[in-house]
Amino acid sequence: MYNIGYCKICKQGLLEIAQDKLTKKIFICCDECEAEWDNPEDALKGINGTRNKYGEIEYPKIEDILREKWNVSINEHHN
């Protein structure tokens, strides 16, 4: 699994890179407060977050994440 840092909303969760299982849309989701963002810039600022916008999640492969061309540092972590 991959993340981009810590959540500005709850101050304790990891901002994980997730993927909607049905639509395959890649987004950012806090593993604690479950806030979600369409892009990493908003997630890192803690703005424009939503909840329950996306359905069941899965974790994308690094190749799929890199295709998004996000300009952020991506960290690997293990649960």
PDB file of N, CA and C in Angstrom:
ATOM      1  N   MET A   1       0.836  -1.178   0.000  1.00  0.00           N
ATOM      2  CA  MET A   1       0.000   0.000   0.000  1.00  0.00           C
ATOM      3  C   MET A   1       0.878   1.238   0.000  1.00  0.00           C
ATOM      4  N   TYR A   2       0.278   2.341  -0.465  1.00  0.00           N
ATOM      5  CA  TYR A   2       1.041   3.570  -0.615  1.00  0.00           C
ATOM      6  C   TYR A   2       0.298   4.737   0.024  1.00  0.00           C
ATOM      7  N   ASN A   3       1.061   5.713   0.512  1.00  0.00           N
ATOM      8  CA  ASN A   3       0.463   6.893   1.127  1.00  0.00           C
ATOM      9  C   ASN A   3       1.257   8.131   0.739  1.00  0.00           C
ATOM     10  N   ILE A   4       0.680   9.303   1.057  1.00  0.00           N
ATOM     11  CA  ILE A   4       1.352  10.564   0.737  1.00  0.00           C
ATOM     12  C   ILE A   4       1.620  11.406   1.985  1.00  0.00           C
ATOM     13  N   GLY A   5       1.326  10.869   3.161  1.00  0.00           N
ATOM     14  CA  GLY A   5       1.580  11.614   4.392  1.00  0.00           C
ATOM     15  C   GLY A   5       0.459  11.426   5.394  1.00  0.00           C
ATOM     16  N   TYR A   6       0.336  12.393   6.305  1.00  0.00           N
ATOM     17  CA  TYR A   6      -0.664  12.304   7.367  1.00  0.00           C
ATOM     18  C   TYR A   6      -1.812  13.277   7.149  1.00  0.00           C
ATOM     19  N   CYS A   7      -2.977  12.912   7.651  1.00  0.00           N
ATOM     20  CA  CYS A   7      -4.209  13.669   7.476  1.00  0.00           C
ATOM     21  C   CYS A   7      -4.214  14.970   8.286  1.00  0.00           C
ATOM     22  N   LYS A   8      -4.544  16.065   7.623  1.00  0.00           N
ATOM     23  CA  LYS A   8      -4.663  17.373   8.289  1.00  0.00           C
ATOM     24  C   LYS A   8      -5.996  17.504   9.029  1.00  0.00           C
ATOM     25  N   ILE A   9      -6.954  16.644   8.704  1.00  0.00           N
ATOM     26  CA  ILE A   9      -8.277  16.705   9.334  1.00  0.00           C
ATOM     27  C   ILE A   9      -8.230  16.083  10.734  1.00  0.00           C
ATOM     28  N   CYS A  10      -7.842  14.809  10.823  1.00  0.00           N
ATOM     29  CA  CYS A  10      -7.852  14.116  12.117  1.00  0.00           C
ATOM     30  C   CYS A  10      -6.490  14.131  12.812  1.00  0.00           C
ATOM     31  N   LYS A  11      -5.460  14.498  12.100  1.00  0.00           N
ATOM     32  CA  LYS A  11      -4.097  14.623  12.634  1.00  0.00           C
ATOM     33  C   LYS A  11      -3.457  13.298  13.054  1.00  0.00           C
ATOM     34  N   GLN A  12      -4.042  12.164  12.649  1.00  0.00           N
ATOM     35  CA  GLN A  12      -3.438  10.891  13.028  1.00  0.00           C
ATOM     36  C   GLN A  12      -3.457   9.830  11.934  1.00  0.00           C
ATOM     37  N   GLY A  13      -4.337   9.957  10.976  1.00  0.00           N
ATOM     38  CA  GLY A  13      -4.443   8.933   9.942  1.00  0.00           C
ATOM     39  C   GLY A  13      -3.468   9.122   8.803  1.00  0.00           C
ATOM     40  N   LEU A  14      -3.189   8.034   8.107  1.00  0.00           N
ATOM     41  CA  LEU A  14      -2.362   8.070   6.911  1.00  0.00           C
ATOM     42  C   LEU A  14      -3.237   8.378   5.708  1.00  0.00           C
ATOM     43  N   LEU A  15      -2.724   9.206   4.814  1.00  0.00           N
ATOM     44  CA  LEU A  15      -3.419   9.515   3.567  1.00  0.00           C
ATOM     45  C   LEU A  15      -3.048   8.443   2.550  1.00  0.00           C
ATOM     46  N   GLU A  16      -3.864   7.404   2.508  1.00  0.00           N
ATOM     47  CA  GLU A  16      -3.594   6.264   1.639  1.00  0.00           C
ATOM     48  C   GLU A  16      -4.086   6.535   0.219  1.00  0.00           C
ATOM     49  N   ILE A  17      -3.390   5.964  -0.727  1.00  0.00           N
ATOM     50  CA  ILE A  17      -3.821   6.020  -2.116  1.00  0.00           C
ATOM     51  C   ILE A  17      -4.709   4.805  -2.343  1.00  0.00           C
ATOM     52  N   ALA A  18      -5.953   5.078  -2.684  1.00  0.00           N
ATOM     53  CA  ALA A  18      -6.948   4.014  -2.834  1.00  0.00           C
ATOM     54  C   ALA A  18      -7.556   4.070  -4.234  1.00  0.00           C
ATOM     55  N   GLN A  19      -8.328   3.042  -4.553  1.00  0.00           N
ATOM     56  CA  GLN A  19      -8.976   2.964  -5.857  1.00  0.00           C
ATOM     57  C   GLN A  19     -10.383   2.426  -5.663  1.00  0.00           C
ATOM     58  N   ASP A  20     -11.351   3.095  -6.276  1.00  0.00           N
ATOM     59  CA  ASP A  20     -12.725   2.610  -6.235  1.00  0.00           C
ATOM     60  C   ASP A  20     -12.778   1.304  -7.028  1.00  0.00           C
ATOM     61  N   LYS A  21     -13.268   0.268  -6.399  1.00  0.00           N
ATOM     62  CA  LYS A  21     -13.267  -1.063  -7.010  1.00  0.00           C
ATOM     63  C   LYS A  21     -14.106  -1.113  -8.286  1.00  0.00           C
ATOM     64  N   LEU A  22     -15.204  -0.378  -8.332  1.00  0.00           N
ATOM     65  CA  LEU A  22     -16.099  -0.412  -9.483  1.00  0.00           C
ATOM     66  C   LEU A  22     -15.621   0.493 -10.619  1.00  0.00           C
ATOM     67  N   THR A  23     -15.325   1.754 -10.309  1.00  0.00           N
ATOM     68  CA  THR A  23     -14.969   2.724 -11.351  1.00  0.00           C
ATOM     69  C   THR A  23     -13.482   2.757 -11.679  1.00  0.00           C
ATOM     70  N   LYS A  24     -12.647   2.210 -10.781  1.00  0.00           N
ATOM     71  CA  LYS A  24     -11.182   2.201 -10.905  1.00  0.00           C
ATOM     72  C   LYS A  24     -10.565   3.595 -10.727  1.00  0.00           C
ATOM     73  N   LYS A  25     -11.344   4.576 -10.263  1.00  0.00           N
ATOM     74  CA  LYS A  25     -10.834   5.924  -9.998  1.00  0.00           C
ATOM     75  C   LYS A  25      -9.872   5.868  -8.816  1.00  0.00           C
ATOM     76  N   ILE A  26      -8.687   6.443  -8.976  1.00  0.00           N
ATOM     77  CA  ILE A  26      -7.696   6.497  -7.904  1.00  0.00           C
ATOM     78  C   ILE A  26      -7.871   7.808  -7.150  1.00  0.00           C
ATOM     79  N   PHE A  27      -7.859   7.723  -5.828  1.00  0.00           N
ATOM     80  CA  PHE A  27      -8.088   8.892  -4.984  1.00  0.00           C
ATOM     81  C   PHE A  27      -7.311   8.727  -3.681  1.00  0.00           C
ATOM     82  N   ILE A  28      -7.415   9.727  -2.812  1.00  0.00           N
ATOM     83  CA  ILE A  28      -6.737   9.704  -1.519  1.00  0.00           C
ATOM     84  C   ILE A  28      -7.784   9.504  -0.429  1.00  0.00           C
ATOM     85  N   CYS A  29      -7.480   8.647   0.553  1.00  0.00           N
ATOM     86  CA  CYS A  29      -8.411   8.372   1.638  1.00  0.00           C
ATOM     87  C   CYS A  29      -7.651   8.256   2.959  1.00  0.00           C
ATOM     88  N   CYS A  30      -8.151   8.918   4.011  1.00  0.00           N
ATOM     89  CA  CYS A  30      -7.539   8.796   5.328  1.00  0.00           C
ATOM     90  C   CYS A  30      -7.947   7.459   5.941  1.00  0.00           C
ATOM     91  N   ASP A  31      -6.969   6.728   6.451  1.00  0.00           N
ATOM     92  CA  ASP A  31      -7.267   5.408   7.034  1.00  0.00           C
ATOM     93  C   ASP A  31      -7.892   5.498   8.426  1.00  0.00           C
ATOM     94  N   GLU A  32      -7.976   6.691   8.999  1.00  0.00           N
ATOM     95  CA  GLU A  32      -8.595   6.864  10.322  1.00  0.00           C
ATOM     96  C   GLU A  32      -9.980   7.502  10.231  1.00  0.00           C
ATOM     97  N   CYS A  33     -10.045   8.732   9.715  1.00  0.00           N
ATOM     98  CA  CYS A  33     -11.331   9.463   9.712  1.00  0.00           C
ATOM     99  C   CYS A  33     -12.144   9.218   8.439  1.00  0.00           C
ATOM    100  N   GLU A  34     -11.563   8.505   7.468  1.00  0.00           N
ATOM    101  CA  GLU A  34     -12.215   8.130   6.224  1.00  0.00           C
ATOM    102  C   GLU A  34     -12.574   9.306   5.318  1.00  0.00           C
ATOM    103  N   ALA A  35     -11.956  10.480   5.560  1.00  0.00           N
ATOM    104  CA  ALA A  35     -12.123  11.585   4.614  1.00  0.00           C
ATOM    105  C   ALA A  35     -11.457  11.160   3.310  1.00  0.00           C
ATOM    106  N   GLU A  36     -11.957  11.669   2.189  1.00  0.00           N
ATOM    107  CA  GLU A  36     -11.416  11.297   0.895  1.00  0.00           C
ATOM    108  C   GLU A  36     -11.274  12.529   0.006  1.00  0.00           C
ATOM    109  N   TRP A  37     -10.330  12.459  -0.898  1.00  0.00           N
ATOM    110  CA  TRP A  37     -10.035  13.568  -1.800  1.00  0.00           C
ATOM    111  C   TRP A  37      -9.780  13.035  -3.192  1.00  0.00           C
ATOM    112  N   ASP A  38     -10.149  13.844  -4.195  1.00  0.00           N
ATOM    113  CA  ASP A  38      -9.912  13.469  -5.584  1.00  0.00           C
ATOM    114  C   ASP A  38      -8.456  13.618  -5.986  1.00  0.00           C
ATOM    115  N   ASN A  39      -7.723  14.490  -5.281  1.00  0.00           N
ATOM    116  CA  ASN A  39      -6.332  14.733  -5.664  1.00  0.00           C
ATOM    117  C   ASN A  39      -5.461  14.925  -4.418  1.00  0.00           C
ATOM    118  N   PRO A  40      -4.175  14.659  -4.542  1.00  0.00           N
ATOM    119  CA  PRO A  40      -3.283  14.740  -3.379  1.00  0.00           C
ATOM    120  C   PRO A  40      -3.048  16.161  -2.880  1.00  0.00           C
ATOM    121  N   GLU A  41      -3.103  17.158  -3.768  1.00  0.00           N
ATOM    122  CA  GLU A  41      -2.880  18.537  -3.341  1.00  0.00           C
ATOM    123  C   GLU A  41      -3.915  18.965  -2.304  1.00  0.00           C
ATOM    124  N   ASP A  42      -5.185  18.675  -2.572  1.00  0.00           N
ATOM    125  CA  ASP A  42      -6.250  19.007  -1.617  1.00  0.00           C
ATOM    126  C   ASP A  42      -6.104  18.204  -0.331  1.00  0.00           C
ATOM    127  N   ALA A  43      -5.747  16.939  -0.456  1.00  0.00           N
ATOM    128  CA  ALA A  43      -5.583  16.084   0.725  1.00  0.00           C
ATOM    129  C   ALA A  43      -4.493  16.622   1.641  1.00  0.00           C
ATOM    130  N   LEU A  44      -3.373  17.025   1.063  1.00  0.00           N
ATOM    131  CA  LEU A  44      -2.261  17.521   1.867  1.00  0.00           C
ATOM    132  C   LEU A  44      -2.579  18.862   2.529  1.00  0.00           C
ATOM    133  N   LYS A  45      -3.495  19.627   1.936  1.00  0.00           N
ATOM    134  CA  LYS A  45      -3.928  20.901   2.523  1.00  0.00           C
ATOM    135  C   LYS A  45      -5.113  20.716   3.475  1.00  0.00           C
ATOM    136  N   GLY A  46      -5.778  19.559   3.384  1.00  0.00           N
ATOM    137  CA  GLY A  46      -6.955  19.302   4.216  1.00  0.00           C
ATOM    138  C   GLY A  46      -8.178  20.079   3.754  1.00  0.00           C
ATOM    139  N   ILE A  47      -8.297  20.334   2.432  1.00  0.00           N
ATOM    140  CA  ILE A  47      -9.439  21.079   1.894  1.00  0.00           C
ATOM    141  C   ILE A  47     -10.230  20.223   0.907  1.00  0.00           C
ATOM    142  N   ASN A  48     -11.491  20.572   0.724  1.00  0.00           N
ATOM    143  CA  ASN A  48     -12.372  19.935  -0.263  1.00  0.00           C
ATOM    144  C   ASN A  48     -12.546  18.431  -0.064  1.00  0.00           C
ATOM    145  N   GLY A  49     -12.479  17.976   1.163  1.00  0.00           N
ATOM    146  CA  GLY A  49     -12.657  16.554   1.447  1.00  0.00           C
ATOM    147  C   GLY A  49     -14.119  16.145   1.392  1.00  0.00           C
ATOM    148  N   THR A  50     -14.358  14.877   1.152  1.00  0.00           N
ATOM    149  CA  THR A  50     -15.705  14.312   1.146  1.00  0.00           C
ATOM    150  C   THR A  50     -15.699  13.043   1.983  1.00  0.00           C
ATOM    151  N   ARG A  51     -16.873  12.457   2.142  1.00  0.00           N
ATOM    152  CA  ARG A  51     -16.992  11.131   2.758  1.00  0.00           C
ATOM    153  C   ARG A  51     -18.036  10.360   1.986  1.00  0.00           C
ATOM    154  N   ASN A  52     -17.796   9.089   1.820  1.00  0.00           N
ATOM    155  CA  ASN A  52     -18.727   8.174   1.150  1.00  0.00           C
ATOM    156  C   ASN A  52     -18.998   8.520  -0.306  1.00  0.00           C
ATOM    157  N   LYS A  53     -18.082   9.240  -0.935  1.00  0.00           N
ATOM    158  CA  LYS A  53     -18.218   9.539  -2.363  1.00  0.00           C
ATOM    159  C   LYS A  53     -17.908   8.297  -3.186  1.00  0.00           C
ATOM    160  N   TYR A  54     -16.947   7.538  -2.706  1.00  0.00           N
ATOM    161  CA  TYR A  54     -16.504   6.346  -3.425  1.00  0.00           C
ATOM    162  C   TYR A  54     -17.069   5.096  -2.755  1.00  0.00           C
ATOM    163  N   GLY A  55     -17.118   4.027  -3.516  1.00  0.00           N
ATOM    164  CA  GLY A  55     -17.633   2.765  -2.995  1.00  0.00           C
ATOM    165  C   GLY A  55     -16.532   1.940  -2.364  1.00  0.00           C
ATOM    166  N   GLU A  56     -16.665   0.649  -2.506  1.00  0.00           N
ATOM    167  CA  GLU A  56     -15.679  -0.277  -1.948  1.00  0.00           C
ATOM    168  C   GLU A  56     -14.308   0.005  -2.564  1.00  0.00           C
ATOM    169  N   ILE A  57     -13.273  -0.018  -1.707  1.00  0.00           N
ATOM    170  CA  ILE A  57     -11.944   0.315  -2.219  1.00  0.00           C
ATOM    171  C   ILE A  57     -11.045  -0.896  -2.340  1.00  0.00           C
ATOM    172  N   GLU A  58     -10.040  -0.729  -3.191  1.00  0.00           N
ATOM    173  CA  GLU A  58      -8.938  -1.666  -3.311  1.00  0.00           C
ATOM    174  C   GLU A  58      -7.683  -0.810  -3.398  1.00  0.00           C
ATOM    175  N   TYR A  59      -6.535  -1.429  -3.308  1.00  0.00           N
ATOM    176  CA  TYR A  59      -5.287  -0.675  -3.338  1.00  0.00           C
ATOM    177  C   TYR A  59      -4.613  -0.853  -4.686  1.00  0.00           C
ATOM    178  N   PRO A  60      -4.373   0.243  -5.386  1.00  0.00           N
ATOM    179  CA  PRO A  60      -3.784   0.152  -6.731  1.00  0.00           C
ATOM    180  C   PRO A  60      -2.306  -0.207  -6.704  1.00  0.00           C
ATOM    181  N   LYS A  61      -1.833  -0.712  -7.830  1.00  0.00           N
ATOM    182  CA  LYS A  61      -0.409  -1.005  -8.011  1.00  0.00           C
ATOM    183  C   LYS A  61       0.322   0.309  -8.248  1.00  0.00           C
ATOM    184  N   ILE A  62       1.598   0.333  -7.965  1.00  0.00           N
ATOM    185  CA  ILE A  62       2.398   1.548  -8.135  1.00  0.00           C
ATOM    186  C   ILE A  62       2.358   2.033  -9.589  1.00  0.00           C
ATOM    187  N   GLU A  63       2.319   1.125 -10.545  1.00  0.00           N
ATOM    188  CA  GLU A  63       2.264   1.515 -11.964  1.00  0.00           C
ATOM    189  C   GLU A  63       1.014   2.346 -12.253  1.00  0.00           C
ATOM    190  N   ASP A  64      -0.111   1.941 -11.659  1.00  0.00           N
ATOM    191  CA  ASP A  64      -1.371   2.659 -11.867  1.00  0.00           C
ATOM    192  C   ASP A  64      -1.330   4.034 -11.207  1.00  0.00           C
ATOM    193  N   ILE A  65      -0.710   4.108 -10.034  1.00  0.00           N
ATOM    194  CA  ILE A  65      -0.591   5.380  -9.322  1.00  0.00           C
ATOM    195  C   ILE A  65       0.274   6.349 -10.126  1.00  0.00           C
ATOM    196  N   LEU A  66       1.389   5.873 -10.630  1.00  0.00           N
ATOM    197  CA  LEU A  66       2.306   6.733 -11.384  1.00  0.00           C
ATOM    198  C   LEU A  66       1.671   7.276 -12.662  1.00  0.00           C
ATOM    199  N   ARG A  67       0.715   6.554 -13.219  1.00  0.00           N
ATOM    200  CA  ARG A  67       0.003   7.024 -14.407  1.00  0.00           C
ATOM    201  C   ARG A  67      -0.808   8.294 -14.137  1.00  0.00           C
ATOM    202  N   GLU A  68      -1.134   8.526 -12.869  1.00  0.00           N
ATOM    203  CA  GLU A  68      -1.884   9.732 -12.496  1.00  0.00           C
ATOM    204  C   GLU A  68      -1.033  10.995 -12.631  1.00  0.00           C
ATOM    205  N   LYS A  69       0.289  10.824 -12.673  1.00  0.00           N
ATOM    206  CA  LYS A  69       1.229  11.944 -12.805  1.00  0.00           C
ATOM    207  C   LYS A  69       1.062  12.990 -11.703  1.00  0.00           C
ATOM    208  N   TRP A  70       0.798  12.516 -10.481  1.00  0.00           N
ATOM    209  CA  TRP A  70       0.705  13.408  -9.329  1.00  0.00           C
ATOM    210  C   TRP A  70       2.098  13.892  -8.959  1.00  0.00           C
ATOM    211  N   ASN A  71       2.191  15.140  -8.591  1.00  0.00           N
ATOM    212  CA  ASN A  71       3.481  15.726  -8.232  1.00  0.00           C
ATOM    213  C   ASN A  71       3.644  15.725  -6.707  1.00  0.00           C
ATOM    214  N   VAL A  72       3.679  14.522  -6.115  1.00  0.00           N
ATOM    215  CA  VAL A  72       3.815  14.356  -4.671  1.00  0.00           C
ATOM    216  C   VAL A  72       4.736  13.175  -4.389  1.00  0.00           C
ATOM    217  N   SER A  73       5.288  13.162  -3.188  1.00  0.00           N
ATOM    218  CA  SER A  73       6.097  12.015  -2.760  1.00  0.00           C
ATOM    219  C   SER A  73       5.163  10.881  -2.371  1.00  0.00           C
ATOM    220  N   ILE A  74       5.488   9.697  -2.823  1.00  0.00           N
ATOM    221  CA  ILE A  74       4.673   8.516  -2.536  1.00  0.00           C
ATOM    222  C   ILE A  74       5.491   7.590  -1.642  1.00  0.00           C
ATOM    223  N   ASN A  75       4.906   7.216  -0.509  1.00  0.00           N
ATOM    224  CA  ASN A  75       5.561   6.352   0.469  1.00  0.00           C
ATOM    225  C   ASN A  75       4.902   4.978   0.466  1.00  0.00           C
ATOM    226  N   GLU A  76       5.698   3.940   0.613  1.00  0.00           N
ATOM    227  CA  GLU A  76       5.159   2.586   0.718  1.00  0.00           C
ATOM    228  C   GLU A  76       5.027   2.237   2.193  1.00  0.00           C
ATOM    229  N   HIS A  77       3.933   1.591   2.569  1.00  0.00           N
ATOM    230  CA  HIS A  77       3.751   1.133   3.942  1.00  0.00           C
ATOM    231  C   HIS A  77       3.065  -0.224   3.951  1.00  0.00           C
ATOM    232  N   HIS A  78       3.165  -0.899   5.073  1.00  0.00           N
ATOM    233  CA  HIS A  78       2.564  -2.228   5.231  1.00  0.00           C
ATOM    234  C   HIS A  78       1.678  -2.200   6.475  1.00  0.00           C
ATOM    235  N   ASN A  79       0.514  -2.813   6.374  1.00  0.00           N
ATOM    236  CA  ASN A  79      -0.383  -2.904   7.542  1.00  0.00           C
ATOM    237  C   ASN A  79      -0.041  -4.110   8.361  1.00  0.00           C
TER     238      ASN A  79
END
